[in-house]
């Protein structure tokens, strides 16, 4: 079945299954960074969203969700940097029970 022909029900099932598998990982040591990479809600949002409150298109989400099970293995074996992108953006943080945007360039 091609990515474009997934029914809404199949797409929701894929998201649910991928989310459950993602949540099982918790964290993985990355040799390149020489530190632990956490598999948290922020990372899962990155798979589903382009930026806060703006979903990736369905085809992009499907590809990412189907390959998500490989992410921990790729990180465990990472020994080189494939690319680096720098950008100034606002980071959402929770302050006093509400979400605020903070400049991430500092």
Protein backbone atom coordinates (compact mmCIF):
# COMPACT_ATOMS: atom_id res chain seq x y z
CA UNK A 1 0.00 0.00 0.00
CA UNK A 2 1.50 3.36 -0.97
CA UNK A 3 1.86 6.25 1.48
CA UNK A 4 -0.82 8.30 -0.26
CA UNK A 5 -3.46 5.57 -0.07
CA UNK A 6 -3.56 5.14 3.71
CA UNK A 7 -7.05 5.61 5.05
CA UNK A 8 -7.59 7.99 7.96
CA UNK A 9 -7.99 4.97 10.21
CA UNK A 10 -4.70 3.42 9.01
CA UNK A 11 -2.90 6.76 9.41
CA UNK A 12 -4.17 7.15 12.98
CA UNK A 13 -3.12 3.55 13.77
CA UNK A 14 0.36 4.23 12.35
CA UNK A 15 0.69 7.36 14.51
CA UNK A 16 -0.45 5.49 17.61
CA UNK A 17 1.90 2.53 17.05
CA UNK A 18 4.88 4.76 16.24
CA UNK A 19 4.19 6.90 19.33
CA UNK A 20 4.11 3.83 21.58
CA UNK A 21 7.40 2.52 20.15
CA UNK A 22 8.98 5.97 20.44
CA UNK A 23 7.95 6.27 24.10
CA UNK A 24 9.53 2.89 24.88
CA UNK A 25 13.02 4.10 23.88
CA UNK A 26 13.44 6.86 26.54
CA UNK A 27 17.09 7.66 25.67
CA UNK A 28 20.11 6.49 23.65
CA UNK A 29 23.84 7.27 23.90
CA UNK A 30 25.19 9.03 20.79
CA UNK A 31 28.93 8.41 20.16
CA UNK A 32 29.34 11.55 18.04
CA UNK A 33 27.86 13.85 20.66
CA UNK A 34 29.29 11.72 23.48
CA UNK A 35 26.08 12.23 25.42
CA UNK A 36 22.61 10.81 25.88
CA UNK A 37 19.86 11.77 23.44
CA UNK A 38 16.40 11.80 25.03
CA UNK A 39 13.35 10.57 23.18
CA UNK A 40 10.85 13.01 24.69
CA UNK A 41 7.63 14.78 23.65
CA UNK A 42 9.60 17.54 21.92
CA UNK A 43 11.25 14.99 19.62
CA UNK A 44 7.94 13.35 18.82
CA UNK A 45 6.48 16.76 17.96
CA UNK A 46 9.38 17.24 15.54
CA UNK A 47 8.30 14.08 13.70
CA UNK A 48 4.70 15.27 13.37
CA UNK A 49 5.05 19.07 13.16
CA UNK A 50 7.08 21.48 11.03
CA UNK A 51 6.83 24.04 13.80
CA UNK A 52 4.53 24.50 16.77
CA UNK A 53 0.89 24.13 15.79
CA UNK A 54 1.72 23.50 12.07
CA UNK A 55 1.58 19.82 11.09
CA UNK A 56 3.86 18.35 8.45
CA UNK A 57 1.99 17.21 5.38
CA UNK A 58 0.54 13.73 5.63
CA UNK A 59 3.02 12.09 3.23
CA UNK A 60 5.98 13.49 5.18
CA UNK A 61 4.51 12.29 8.49
CA UNK A 62 3.91 8.80 7.11
CA UNK A 63 7.49 8.45 5.90
CA UNK A 64 8.89 9.69 9.22
CA UNK A 65 6.56 7.51 11.30
CA UNK A 66 7.37 4.39 9.27
CA UNK A 67 11.13 4.97 9.71
CA UNK A 68 10.95 6.03 13.35
CA UNK A 69 11.81 2.54 14.60
CA UNK A 70 15.30 2.98 13.07
CA UNK A 71 16.07 6.27 14.83
CA UNK A 72 17.57 4.80 17.99
CA UNK A 73 19.86 2.48 16.01
CA UNK A 74 21.05 5.34 13.79
CA UNK A 75 21.81 7.50 16.83
CA UNK A 76 23.64 4.62 18.58
CA UNK A 77 25.92 4.21 15.55
CA UNK A 78 26.42 7.89 14.70
CA UNK A 79 30.07 8.78 14.45
CA UNK A 80 29.96 11.68 11.98
CA UNK A 81 28.03 14.90 11.47
CA UNK A 82 25.94 14.83 8.30
CA UNK A 83 24.96 18.49 8.26
CA UNK A 84 24.53 21.49 10.46
CA UNK A 85 21.87 24.16 10.23
CA UNK A 86 21.83 27.27 12.35
CA UNK A 87 18.77 29.44 12.71
CA UNK A 88 17.36 31.94 15.17
CA UNK A 89 13.90 30.99 16.35
CA UNK A 90 11.62 31.22 19.33
CA UNK A 91 11.50 28.25 21.68
CA UNK A 92 8.26 27.46 23.54
CA UNK A 93 8.71 27.01 27.28
CA UNK A 94 6.21 26.61 30.07
CA UNK A 95 6.37 29.44 32.62
CA UNK A 96 3.96 29.62 35.56
CA UNK A 97 1.53 27.12 33.98
CA UNK A 98 1.40 28.89 30.61
CA UNK A 99 3.35 28.59 27.37
CA UNK A 100 5.64 31.47 26.37
CA UNK A 101 8.07 31.95 23.53
CA UNK A 102 11.71 32.65 24.34
CA UNK A 103 14.36 33.73 21.82
CA UNK A 104 16.52 30.62 21.25
CA UNK A 105 19.52 32.53 19.85
CA UNK A 106 20.99 33.48 23.25
